[in-house]
PDB file of N, CA and C in Angstrom:
ATOM      1  N   MET A   1      64.564 142.743 179.062  1.00  0.00           N
ATOM      2  CA  MET A   1      65.465 142.128 178.107  1.00  0.00           C
ATOM      3  C   MET A   1      65.656 143.013 176.883  1.00  0.00           C
ATOM      4  N   GLY A   2      66.152 144.147 177.064  1.00  0.00           N
ATOM      5  CA  GLY A   2      66.380 145.023 175.929  1.00  0.00           C
ATOM      6  C   GLY A   2      67.656 144.652 175.192  1.00  0.00           C
ATOM      7  N   SER A   3      67.637 144.821 173.911  1.00  0.00           N
ATOM      8  CA  SER A   3      68.840 144.578 173.118  1.00  0.00           C
ATOM      9  C   SER A   3      69.027 145.739 172.159  1.00  0.00           C
ATOM     10  N   LYS A   4      70.273 146.012 171.850  1.00  0.00           N
ATOM     11  CA  LYS A   4      70.593 147.108 170.939  1.00  0.00           C
ATOM     12  C   LYS A   4      71.297 146.551 169.717  1.00  0.00           C
ATOM     13  N   VAL A   5      71.015 147.120 168.594  1.00  0.00           N
ATOM     14  CA  VAL A   5      71.713 146.769 167.360  1.00  0.00           C
ATOM     15  C   VAL A   5      72.654 147.917 167.046  1.00  0.00           C
ATOM     16  N   LEU A   6      73.930 147.629 167.019  1.00  0.00           N
ATOM     17  CA  LEU A   6      74.925 148.649 166.703  1.00  0.00           C
ATOM     18  C   LEU A   6      75.286 148.536 165.228  1.00  0.00           C
ATOM     19  N   MET A   7      75.037 149.560 164.481  1.00  0.00           N
ATOM     20  CA  MET A   7      75.281 149.555 163.042  1.00  0.00           C
ATOM     21  C   MET A   7      76.580 150.276 162.688  1.00  0.00           C
ATOM     22  N   SER A   8      77.534 150.278 163.577  1.00  0.00           N
ATOM     23  CA  SER A   8      78.745 151.064 163.364  1.00  0.00           C
ATOM     24  C   SER A   8      79.857 150.301 162.651  1.00  0.00           C
ATOM     25  N   THR A   9      79.712 148.990 162.468  1.00  0.00           N
ATOM     26  CA  THR A   9      80.778 148.232 161.825  1.00  0.00           C
ATOM     27  C   THR A   9      80.264 147.590 160.541  1.00  0.00           C
ATOM     28  N   ASP A  10      81.149 147.452 159.592  1.00  0.00           N
ATOM     29  CA  ASP A  10      80.825 146.804 158.319  1.00  0.00           C
ATOM     30  C   ASP A  10      81.329 145.388 158.338  1.00  0.00           C
ATOM     31  N   TYR A  11      80.686 144.530 157.587  1.00  0.00           N
ATOM     32  CA  TYR A  11      81.146 143.148 157.432  1.00  0.00           C
ATOM     33  C   TYR A  11      81.994 143.070 156.174  1.00  0.00           C
ATOM     34  N   HIS A  12      83.257 142.705 156.331  1.00  0.00           N
ATOM     35  CA  HIS A  12      84.177 142.587 155.204  1.00  0.00           C
ATOM     36  C   HIS A  12      84.831 141.221 155.239  1.00  0.00           C
ATOM     37  N   PRO A  13      84.277 140.218 154.514  1.00  0.00           N
ATOM     38  CA  PRO A  13      84.873 138.880 154.565  1.00  0.00           C
ATOM     39  C   PRO A  13      86.278 138.819 153.980  1.00  0.00           C
ATOM     40  N   GLN A  14      86.646 139.768 153.114  1.00  0.00           N
ATOM     41  CA  GLN A  14      87.970 139.755 152.508  1.00  0.00           C
ATOM     42  C   GLN A  14      89.013 140.430 153.381  1.00  0.00           C
ATOM     43  N   LYS A  15      88.660 140.860 154.554  1.00  0.00           N
ATOM     44  CA  LYS A  15      89.583 141.583 155.419  1.00  0.00           C
ATOM     45  C   LYS A  15      90.565 140.638 156.102  1.00  0.00           C
ATOM     46  N   ASP A  16      91.692 140.455 155.503  1.00  0.00           N
ATOM     47  CA  ASP A  16      92.815 139.806 156.154  1.00  0.00           C
ATOM     48  C   ASP A  16      94.067 140.485 155.629  1.00  0.00           C
ATOM     49  N   GLY A  17      95.172 140.261 156.242  1.00  0.00           N
ATOM     50  CA  GLY A  17      96.395 140.975 155.890  1.00  0.00           C
ATOM     51  C   GLY A  17      96.781 140.912 154.418  1.00  0.00           C
ATOM     52  N   PRO A  18      96.988 139.708 153.865  1.00  0.00           N
ATOM     53  CA  PRO A  18      97.415 139.625 152.468  1.00  0.00           C
ATOM     54  C   PRO A  18      96.407 140.207 151.484  1.00  0.00           C
ATOM     55  N   SER A  19      95.120 139.948 151.694  1.00  0.00           N
ATOM     56  CA  SER A  19      94.106 140.481 150.785  1.00  0.00           C
ATOM     57  C   SER A  19      94.075 142.002 150.831  1.00  0.00           C
ATOM     58  N   ASP A  20      94.169 142.568 152.028  1.00  0.00           N
ATOM     59  CA  ASP A  20      94.172 144.021 152.163  1.00  0.00           C
ATOM     60  C   ASP A  20      95.338 144.639 151.396  1.00  0.00           C
ATOM     61  N   ARG A  21      96.512 144.033 151.511  1.00  0.00           N
ATOM     62  CA  ARG A  21      97.692 144.567 150.818  1.00  0.00           C
ATOM     63  C   ARG A  21      97.529 144.477 149.303  1.00  0.00           C
ATOM     64  N   ILE A  22      97.007 143.361 148.836  1.00  0.00           N
ATOM     65  CA  ILE A  22      96.822 143.195 147.392  1.00  0.00           C
ATOM     66  C   ILE A  22      95.805 144.198 146.868  1.00  0.00           C
ATOM     67  N   ILE A  23      94.680 144.329 147.568  1.00  0.00           N
ATOM     68  CA  ILE A  23      93.649 145.278 147.143  1.00  0.00           C
ATOM     69  C   ILE A  23      94.195 146.691 147.134  1.00  0.00           C
ATOM     70  N   GLN A  24      94.933 147.076 148.176  1.00  0.00           N
ATOM     71  CA  GLN A  24      95.498 148.421 148.238  1.00  0.00           C
ATOM     72  C   GLN A  24      96.498 148.653 147.107  1.00  0.00           C
ATOM     73  N   THR A  25      97.321 147.646 146.825  1.00  0.00           N
ATOM     74  CA  THR A  25      98.295 147.766 145.739  1.00  0.00           C
ATOM     75  C   THR A  25      97.604 147.938 144.398  1.00  0.00           C
ATOM     76  N   LEU A  26      96.579 147.127 144.145  1.00  0.00           N
ATOM     77  CA  LEU A  26      95.849 147.229 142.873  1.00  0.00           C
ATOM     78  C   LEU A  26      95.124 148.570 142.749  1.00  0.00           C
ATOM     79  N   GLU A  27      94.564 149.058 143.854  1.00  0.00           N
ATOM     80  CA  GLU A  27      93.930 150.380 143.835  1.00  0.00           C
ATOM     81  C   GLU A  27      94.948 151.466 143.522  1.00  0.00           C
ATOM     82  N   ASP A  28      96.112 151.401 144.158  1.00  0.00           N
ATOM     83  CA  ASP A  28      97.159 152.399 143.913  1.00  0.00           C
ATOM     84  C   ASP A  28      97.639 152.362 142.470  1.00  0.00           C
ATOM     85  N   MET A  29      97.820 151.156 141.944  1.00  0.00           N
ATOM     86  CA  MET A  29      98.280 151.033 140.557  1.00  0.00           C
ATOM     87  C   MET A  29      97.222 151.545 139.587  1.00  0.00           C
ATOM     88  N   SER A  30      95.955 151.237 139.849  1.00  0.00           N
ATOM     89  CA  SER A  30      94.864 151.730 138.999  1.00  0.00           C
ATOM     90  C   SER A  30      94.798 153.247 139.039  1.00  0.00           C
ATOM     91  N   ARG A  31      94.915 153.805 140.234  1.00  0.00           N
ATOM     92  CA  ARG A  31      94.883 155.261 140.401  1.00  0.00           C
ATOM     93  C   ARG A  31      96.035 155.920 139.640  1.00  0.00           C
ATOM     94  N   ALA A  32      97.221 155.316 139.701  1.00  0.00           N
ATOM     95  CA  ALA A  32      98.379 155.879 138.990  1.00  0.00           C
ATOM     96  C   ALA A  32      98.163 155.850 137.478  1.00  0.00           C
ATOM     97  N   CYS A  33      97.572 154.768 136.977  1.00  0.00           N
ATOM     98  CA  CYS A  33      97.299 154.694 135.534  1.00  0.00           C
ATOM     99  C   CYS A  33      96.293 155.749 135.101  1.00  0.00           C
ATOM    100  N   ILE A  34      95.266 155.955 135.912  1.00  0.00           N
ATOM    101  CA  ILE A  34      94.257 156.956 135.567  1.00  0.00           C
ATOM    102  C   ILE A  34      94.864 158.352 135.579  1.00  0.00           C
ATOM    103  N   ILE A  35      95.714 158.632 136.562  1.00  0.00           N
ATOM    104  CA  ILE A  35      96.359 159.952 136.636  1.00  0.00           C
ATOM    105  C   ILE A  35      97.292 160.150 135.445  1.00  0.00           C
ATOM    106  N   ASP A  36      98.085 159.122 135.104  1.00  0.00           N
ATOM    107  CA  ASP A  36      99.061 159.260 134.017  1.00  0.00           C
ATOM    108  C   ASP A  36      98.420 159.216 132.633  1.00  0.00           C
ATOM    109  N   PHE A  37      97.459 158.314 132.428  1.00  0.00           N
ATOM    110  CA  PHE A  37      96.934 158.083 131.087  1.00  0.00           C
ATOM    111  C   PHE A  37      95.505 158.576 130.895  1.00  0.00           C
ATOM    112  N   GLY A  38      94.803 158.907 131.960  1.00  0.00           N
ATOM    113  CA  GLY A  38      93.414 159.351 131.863  1.00  0.00           C
ATOM    114  C   GLY A  38      92.478 158.185 131.586  1.00  0.00           C
ATOM    115  N   GLY A  39      91.212 158.487 131.500  1.00  0.00           N
ATOM    116  CA  GLY A  39      90.222 157.459 131.213  1.00  0.00           C
ATOM    117  C   GLY A  39      89.722 156.779 132.471  1.00  0.00           C
ATOM    118  N   SER A  40      89.069 155.634 132.287  1.00  0.00           N
ATOM    119  CA  SER A  40      88.500 154.907 133.428  1.00  0.00           C
ATOM    120  C   SER A  40      89.424 153.768 133.837  1.00  0.00           C
ATOM    121  N   TRP A  41      89.229 153.281 135.042  1.00  0.00           N
ATOM    122  CA  TRP A  41      90.065 152.198 135.563  1.00  0.00           C
ATOM    123  C   TRP A  41      89.843 150.911 134.788  1.00  0.00           C
ATOM    124  N   GLU A  42      88.634 150.718 134.240  1.00  0.00           N
ATOM    125  CA  GLU A  42      88.337 149.482 133.510  1.00  0.00           C
ATOM    126  C   GLU A  42      89.223 149.327 132.278  1.00  0.00           C
ATOM    127  N   GLY A  43      89.513 150.439 131.632  1.00  0.00           N
ATOM    128  CA  GLY A  43      90.362 150.395 130.447  1.00  0.00           C
ATOM    129  C   GLY A  43      91.808 150.067 130.753  1.00  0.00           C
ATOM    130  N   HIS A  44      92.238 150.355 131.986  1.00  0.00           N
ATOM    131  CA  HIS A  44      93.626 150.133 132.377  1.00  0.00           C
ATOM    132  C   HIS A  44      93.829 148.837 133.151  1.00  0.00           C
ATOM    133  N   LEU A  45      92.761 148.095 133.383  1.00  0.00           N
ATOM    134  CA  LEU A  45      92.869 146.876 134.190  1.00  0.00           C
ATOM    135  C   LEU A  45      93.852 145.858 133.613  1.00  0.00           C
ATOM    136  N   PRO A  46      93.875 145.601 132.284  1.00  0.00           N
ATOM    137  CA  PRO A  46      94.884 144.662 131.764  1.00  0.00           C
ATOM    138  C   PRO A  46      96.321 145.124 132.019  1.00  0.00           C
ATOM    139  N   LEU A  47      96.558 146.426 131.924  1.00  0.00           N
ATOM    140  CA  LEU A  47      97.893 146.970 132.195  1.00  0.00           C
ATOM    141  C   LEU A  47      98.270 146.785 133.661  1.00  0.00           C
ATOM    142  N   VAL A  48      97.325 147.045 134.561  1.00  0.00           N
ATOM    143  CA  VAL A  48      97.566 146.881 135.996  1.00  0.00           C
ATOM    144  C   VAL A  48      97.832 145.410 136.311  1.00  0.00           C
ATOM    145  N   GLU A  49      97.036 144.521 135.718  1.00  0.00           N
ATOM    146  CA  GLU A  49      97.235 143.079 135.943  1.00  0.00           C
ATOM    147  C   GLU A  49      98.616 142.642 135.473  1.00  0.00           C
ATOM    148  N   PHE A  50      99.007 143.086 134.281  1.00  0.00           N
ATOM    149  CA  PHE A  50     100.325 142.734 133.740  1.00  0.00           C
ATOM    150  C   PHE A  50     101.443 143.253 134.638  1.00  0.00           C
ATOM    151  N   ALA A  51     101.329 144.506 135.057  1.00  0.00           N
ATOM    152  CA  ALA A  51     102.363 145.104 135.910  1.00  0.00           C
ATOM    153  C   ALA A  51     102.440 144.390 137.258  1.00  0.00           C
ATOM    154  N   TYR A  52     101.305 144.078 137.843  1.00  0.00           N
ATOM    155  CA  TYR A  52     101.294 143.407 139.149  1.00  0.00           C
ATOM    156  C   TYR A  52     101.901 142.009 139.058  1.00  0.00           C
ATOM    157  N   ASN A  53     101.520 141.252 138.040  1.00  0.00           N
ATOM    158  CA  ASN A  53     102.006 139.873 137.903  1.00  0.00           C
ATOM    159  C   ASN A  53     103.472 139.790 137.494  1.00  0.00           C
ATOM    160  N   ASN A  54     104.033 140.892 136.986  1.00  0.00           N
ATOM    161  CA  ASN A  54     105.442 140.904 136.607  1.00  0.00           C
ATOM    162  C   ASN A  54     106.322 141.612 137.625  1.00  0.00           C
ATOM    163  N   SER A  55     105.736 142.064 138.738  1.00  0.00           N
ATOM    164  CA  SER A  55     106.536 142.728 139.760  1.00  0.00           C
ATOM    165  C   SER A  55     106.986 141.723 140.815  1.00  0.00           C
ATOM    166  N   TYR A  56     108.069 142.037 141.478  1.00  0.00           N
ATOM    167  CA  TYR A  56     108.666 141.155 142.485  1.00  0.00           C
ATOM    168  C   TYR A  56     107.762 141.058 143.702  1.00  0.00           C
ATOM    169  N   HIS A  57     107.524 139.833 144.176  1.00  0.00           N
ATOM    170  CA  HIS A  57     106.734 139.593 145.385  1.00  0.00           C
ATOM    171  C   HIS A  57     107.652 138.940 146.415  1.00  0.00           C
ATOM    172  N   SER A  58     107.815 139.600 147.542  1.00  0.00           N
ATOM    173  CA  SER A  58     108.778 139.116 148.539  1.00  0.00           C
ATOM    174  C   SER A  58     108.377 137.784 149.160  1.00  0.00           C
ATOM    175  N   ASN A  59     107.073 137.490 149.227  1.00  0.00           N
ATOM    176  CA  ASN A  59     106.672 136.228 149.854  1.00  0.00           C
ATOM    177  C   ASN A  59     107.069 135.010 149.019  1.00  0.00           C
ATOM    178  N   ILE A  60     107.105 135.135 147.699  1.00  0.00           N
ATOM    179  CA  ILE A  60     107.564 134.019 146.854  1.00  0.00           C
ATOM    180  C   ILE A  60     108.946 134.289 146.263  1.00  0.00           C
ATOM    181  N   GLN A  61     109.485 135.457 146.538  1.00  0.00           N
ATOM    182  CA  GLN A  61     110.818 135.893 146.110  1.00  0.00           C
ATOM    183  C   GLN A  61     111.001 135.856 144.598  1.00  0.00           C
ATOM    184  N   MET A  62     109.933 136.149 143.894  1.00  0.00           N
ATOM    185  CA  MET A  62     109.966 136.295 142.434  1.00  0.00           C
ATOM    186  C   MET A  62     108.624 136.853 141.985  1.00  0.00           C
ATOM    187  N   ALA A  63     108.497 137.138 140.721  1.00  0.00           N
ATOM    188  CA  ALA A  63     107.219 137.586 140.174  1.00  0.00           C
ATOM    189  C   ALA A  63     106.310 136.373 139.951  1.00  0.00           C
ATOM    190  N   PRO A  64     104.992 136.541 140.090  1.00  0.00           N
ATOM    191  CA  PRO A  64     104.092 135.409 139.864  1.00  0.00           C
ATOM    192  C   PRO A  64     104.259 134.756 138.494  1.00  0.00           C
ATOM    193  N   TYR A  65     104.464 135.560 137.445  1.00  0.00           N
ATOM    194  CA  TYR A  65     104.676 134.973 136.122  1.00  0.00           C
ATOM    195  C   TYR A  65     105.950 134.127 136.085  1.00  0.00           C
ATOM    196  N   GLU A  66     106.990 134.593 136.783  1.00  0.00           N
ATOM    197  CA  GLU A  66     108.225 133.801 136.846  1.00  0.00           C
ATOM    198  C   GLU A  66     107.971 132.459 137.516  1.00  0.00           C
ATOM    199  N   ALA A  67     107.204 132.479 138.596  1.00  0.00           N
ATOM    200  CA  ALA A  67     106.895 131.228 139.295  1.00  0.00           C
ATOM    201  C   ALA A  67     106.126 130.283 138.379  1.00  0.00           C
ATOM    202  N   LEU A  68     105.170 130.821 137.629  1.00  0.00           N
ATOM    203  CA  LEU A  68     104.380 130.004 136.705  1.00  0.00           C
ATOM    204  C   LEU A  68     105.258 129.411 135.614  1.00  0.00           C
ATOM    205  N   TYR A  69     106.085 130.241 134.986  1.00  0.00           N
ATOM    206  CA  TYR A  69     106.893 129.761 133.873  1.00  0.00           C
ATOM    207  C   TYR A  69     108.082 128.931 134.326  1.00  0.00           C
ATOM    208  N   ALA A  70     108.538 129.096 135.562  1.00  0.00           N
ATOM    209  CA  ALA A  70     109.605 128.238 136.088  1.00  0.00           C
ATOM    210  C   ALA A  70     109.121 126.800 136.154  1.00  0.00           C
ATOM    211  N   GLN A  71     107.859 126.600 136.541  1.00  0.00           N
ATOM    212  CA  GLN A  71     107.298 125.250 136.571  1.00  0.00           C
ATOM    213  C   GLN A  71     107.223 124.677 135.172  1.00  0.00           C
ATOM    214  N   LYS A  72     106.844 125.504 134.202  1.00  0.00           N
ATOM    215  CA  LYS A  72     106.762 125.026 132.815  1.00  0.00           C
ATOM    216  C   LYS A  72     108.146 124.667 132.291  1.00  0.00           C
ATOM    217  N   ARG A  73     109.162 125.485 132.650  1.00  0.00           N
ATOM    218  CA  ARG A  73     110.525 125.176 132.207  1.00  0.00           C
ATOM    219  C   ARG A  73     111.022 123.883 132.825  1.00  0.00           C
ATOM    220  N   GLN A  74     110.687 123.640 134.099  1.00  0.00           N
ATOM    221  CA  GLN A  74     111.088 122.391 134.743  1.00  0.00           C
ATOM    222  C   GLN A  74     110.460 121.201 134.035  1.00  0.00           C
ATOM    223  N   LYS A  75     109.200 121.337 133.632  1.00  0.00           N
ATOM    224  CA  LYS A  75     108.529 120.253 132.922  1.00  0.00           C
ATOM    225  C   LYS A  75     109.192 120.019 131.569  1.00  0.00           C
ATOM    226  N   GLN A  76     109.513 121.093 130.844  1.00  0.00           N
ATOM    227  CA  GLN A  76     110.172 120.946 129.546  1.00  0.00           C
ATOM    228  C   GLN A  76     111.522 120.259 129.710  1.00  0.00           C
ATOM    229  N   TYR A  77     112.269 120.629 130.755  1.00  0.00           N
ATOM    230  CA  TYR A  77     113.563 120.006 131.017  1.00  0.00           C
ATOM    231  C   TYR A  77     113.383 118.527 131.328  1.00  0.00           C
ATOM    232  N   ALA A  78     112.412 118.206 132.161  1.00  0.00           N
ATOM    233  CA  ALA A  78     112.163 116.807 132.513  1.00  0.00           C
ATOM    234  C   ALA A  78     111.729 116.010 131.286  1.00  0.00           C
ATOM    235  N   ASP A  79     110.944 116.624 130.419  1.00  0.00           N
ATOM    236  CA  ASP A  79     110.508 115.930 129.201  1.00  0.00           C
ATOM    237  C   ASP A  79     111.692 115.613 128.291  1.00  0.00           C
ATOM    238  N   LYS A  80     112.704 116.485 128.276  1.00  0.00           N
ATOM    239  CA  LYS A  80     113.891 116.226 127.458  1.00  0.00           C
ATOM    240  C   LYS A  80     114.734 115.091 128.044  1.00  0.00           C
ATOM    241  N   ILE A  81     114.825 115.054 129.377  1.00  0.00           N
ATOM    242  CA  ILE A  81     115.647 114.060 130.057  1.00  0.00           C
ATOM    243  C   ILE A  81     115.008 112.679 130.019  1.00  0.00           C
ATOM    244  N   LEU A  82     113.702 112.637 130.290  1.00  0.00           N
ATOM    245  CA  LEU A  82     113.011 111.350 130.321  1.00  0.00           C
ATOM    246  C   LEU A  82     112.878 110.800 128.910  1.00  0.00           C
ATOM    247  N   LYS A  83     113.133 109.523 128.765  1.00  0.00           N
ATOM    248  CA  LYS A  83     113.078 108.905 127.448  1.00  0.00           C
ATOM    249  C   LYS A  83     111.933 107.912 127.412  1.00  0.00           C
ATOM    250  N   SER A  84     111.357 107.785 126.257  1.00  0.00           N
ATOM    251  CA  SER A  84     110.304 106.805 126.065  1.00  0.00           C
ATOM    252  C   SER A  84     110.946 105.418 126.011  1.00  0.00           C
ATOM    253  N   LEU A  85     110.411 104.497 126.789  1.00  0.00           N
ATOM    254  CA  LEU A  85     110.947 103.145 126.832  1.00  0.00           C
ATOM    255  C   LEU A  85     110.012 102.193 126.111  1.00  0.00           C
ATOM    256  N   GLU A  86     110.592 101.271 125.392  1.00  0.00           N
ATOM    257  CA  GLU A  86     109.801 100.261 124.702  1.00  0.00           C
ATOM    258  C   GLU A  86     110.251  98.889 125.183  1.00  0.00           C
ATOM    259  N   PHE A  87     109.294  98.023 125.392  1.00  0.00           N
ATOM    260  CA  PHE A  87     109.569  96.674 125.861  1.00  0.00           C
ATOM    261  C   PHE A  87     108.992  95.668 124.881  1.00  0.00           C
ATOM    262  N   SER A  88     109.639  94.529 124.850  1.00  0.00           N
ATOM    263  CA  SER A  88     109.147  93.422 124.026  1.00  0.00           C
ATOM    264  C   SER A  88     108.612  92.337 124.949  1.00  0.00           C
ATOM    265  N   VAL A  89     107.802  91.467 124.393  1.00  0.00           N
ATOM    266  CA  VAL A  89     107.279  90.351 125.162  1.00  0.00           C
ATOM    267  C   VAL A  89     108.449  89.514 125.646  1.00  0.00           C
ATOM    268  N   GLY A  90     108.459  89.214 126.943  1.00  0.00           N
ATOM    269  CA  GLY A  90     109.519  88.417 127.532  1.00  0.00           C
ATOM    270  C   GLY A  90     110.610  89.231 128.194  1.00  0.00           C
ATOM    271  N   ASP A  91     110.618  90.571 128.001  1.00  0.00           N
ATOM    272  CA  ASP A  91     111.612  91.420 128.663  1.00  0.00           C
ATOM    273  C   ASP A  91     111.369  91.412 130.159  1.00  0.00           C
ATOM    274  N   MET A  92     112.436  91.437 130.936  1.00  0.00           N
ATOM    275  CA  MET A  92     112.344  91.508 132.390  1.00  0.00           C
ATOM    276  C   MET A  92     112.376  92.986 132.789  1.00  0.00           C
ATOM    277  N   VAL A  93     111.445  93.394 133.618  1.00  0.00           N
ATOM    278  CA  VAL A  93     111.380  94.790 134.068  1.00  0.00           C
ATOM    279  C   VAL A  93     111.221  94.828 135.579  1.00  0.00           C
ATOM    280  N   MET A  94     111.658  95.912 136.186  1.00  0.00           N
ATOM    281  CA  MET A  94     111.504  96.120 137.618  1.00  0.00           C
ATOM    282  C   MET A  94     110.382  97.138 137.805  1.00  0.00           C
ATOM    283  N   LEU A  95     109.388  96.801 138.610  1.00  0.00           N
ATOM    284  CA  LEU A  95     108.269  97.689 138.863  1.00  0.00           C
ATOM    285  C   LEU A  95     108.305  98.172 140.301  1.00  0.00           C
ATOM    286  N   LYS A  96     107.958  99.417 140.491  1.00  0.00           N
ATOM    287  CA  LYS A  96     107.815  99.958 141.835  1.00  0.00           C
ATOM    288  C   LYS A  96     106.322  99.951 142.145  1.00  0.00           C
ATOM    289  N   VAL A  97     105.963  99.274 143.220  1.00  0.00           N
ATOM    290  CA  VAL A  97     104.559  99.132 143.578  1.00  0.00           C
ATOM    291  C   VAL A  97     104.316  99.874 144.882  1.00  0.00           C
ATOM    292  N   SER A  98     103.257 100.674 144.907  1.00  0.00           N
ATOM    293  CA  SER A  98     102.873 101.395 146.120  1.00  0.00           C
ATOM    294  C   SER A  98     101.588 100.788 146.663  1.00  0.00           C
ATOM    295  N   PRO A  99     101.489 100.688 147.976  1.00  0.00           N
ATOM    296  CA  PRO A  99     100.245 100.144 148.536  1.00  0.00           C
ATOM    297  C   PRO A  99      99.098 101.121 148.321  1.00  0.00           C
ATOM    298  N   CYS A 100      97.927 100.581 148.119  1.00  0.00           N
ATOM    299  CA  CYS A 100      96.763 101.438 147.966  1.00  0.00           C
ATOM    300  C   CYS A 100      95.714 101.025 148.991  1.00  0.00           C
ATOM    301  N   VAL A 101      94.862 101.939 149.304  1.00  0.00           N
ATOM    302  CA  VAL A 101      93.808 101.681 150.275  1.00  0.00           C
ATOM    303  C   VAL A 101      92.576 101.214 149.506  1.00  0.00           C
ATOM    304  N   GLU A 102      92.097 100.061 149.881  1.00  0.00           N
ATOM    305  CA  GLU A 102      90.904  99.533 149.222  1.00  0.00           C
ATOM    306  C   GLU A 102      89.718  99.708 150.143  1.00  0.00           C
ATOM    307  N   THR A 103      88.603 100.063 149.565  1.00  0.00           N
ATOM    308  CA  THR A 103      87.381 100.135 150.360  1.00  0.00           C
ATOM    309  C   THR A 103      86.554  98.907 150.055  1.00  0.00           C
ATOM    310  N   GLN A 104      85.909  98.394 151.072  1.00  0.00           N
ATOM    311  CA  GLN A 104      85.062  97.231 150.880  1.00  0.00           C
ATOM    312  C   GLN A 104      83.745  97.668 150.274  1.00  0.00           C
ATOM    313  N   GLU A 105      83.105  96.762 149.600  1.00  0.00           N
ATOM    314  CA  GLU A 105      81.835  97.056 148.941  1.00  0.00           C
ATOM    315  C   GLU A 105      80.800  97.566 149.940  1.00  0.00           C
ATOM    316  N   SER A 106      80.779  97.006 151.148  1.00  0.00           N
ATOM    317  CA  SER A 106      79.793  97.429 152.139  1.00  0.00           C
ATOM    318  C   SER A 106      80.068  98.856 152.610  1.00  0.00           C
ATOM    319  N   ASP A 107      81.350  99.277 152.650  1.00  0.00           N
ATOM    320  CA  ASP A 107      81.682 100.648 153.035  1.00  0.00           C
ATOM    321  C   ASP A 107      81.166 101.640 151.994  1.00  0.00           C
ATOM    322  N   ARG A 108      81.324 101.310 150.724  1.00  0.00           N
ATOM    323  CA  ARG A 108      80.853 102.201 149.667  1.00  0.00           C
ATOM    324  C   ARG A 108      79.341 102.304 149.665  1.00  0.00           C
ATOM    325  N   ASP A 109      78.662 101.188 149.908  1.00  0.00           N
ATOM    326  CA  ASP A 109      77.188 101.210 149.922  1.00  0.00           C
ATOM    327  C   ASP A 109      76.673 102.062 151.071  1.00  0.00           C
ATOM    328  N   SER A 110      77.308 101.978 152.242  1.00  0.00           N
ATOM    329  CA  SER A 110      76.845 102.765 153.385  1.00  0.00           C
ATOM    330  C   SER A 110      77.108 104.251 153.178  1.00  0.00           C
ATOM    331  N   ASN A 111      78.199 104.597 152.475  1.00  0.00           N
ATOM    332  CA  ASN A 111      78.484 106.003 152.185  1.00  0.00           C
ATOM    333  C   ASN A 111      77.497 106.568 151.187  1.00  0.00           C
ATOM    334  N   ASN A 112      77.078 105.781 150.214  1.00  0.00           N
ATOM    335  CA  ASN A 112      76.115 106.254 149.222  1.00  0.00           C
ATOM    336  C   ASN A 112      74.743 106.408 149.826  1.00  0.00           C
ATOM    337  N   ALA A 113      74.428 105.635 150.863  1.00  0.00           N
ATOM    338  CA  ALA A 113      73.115 105.698 151.480  1.00  0.00           C
ATOM    339  C   ALA A 113      72.939 106.969 152.304  1.00  0.00           C
ATOM    340  N   GLU A 114      74.029 107.584 152.752  1.00  0.00           N
ATOM    341  CA  GLU A 114      73.943 108.765 153.624  1.00  0.00           C
ATOM    342  C   GLU A 114      73.596 109.996 152.875  1.00  0.00           C
TER     343      GLU A 114
END
């Protein structure tokens, strides 16, 4: 029952397509900053981060910062459109009710016991 241990491969949990591309892009951008501006990569990391987050990404069809701020702009627009409503005692209002799932007391006790 002999067995062999082959030490020829490395374990890389981050090895998948998108991660590999991002890592390679960040390495290339860091290398370009060091060649152009000199110094260490640590000093240029904020510049690389800014450049990467402001560059066009085909999978989301915009820059990550644009995607982030587009959501904020939508919220600001919705906040302008939505109005604060005030009601007085006796006013008739229409409520939208959604069903909710209730757990029985015995179900919660059995889950806590596990």
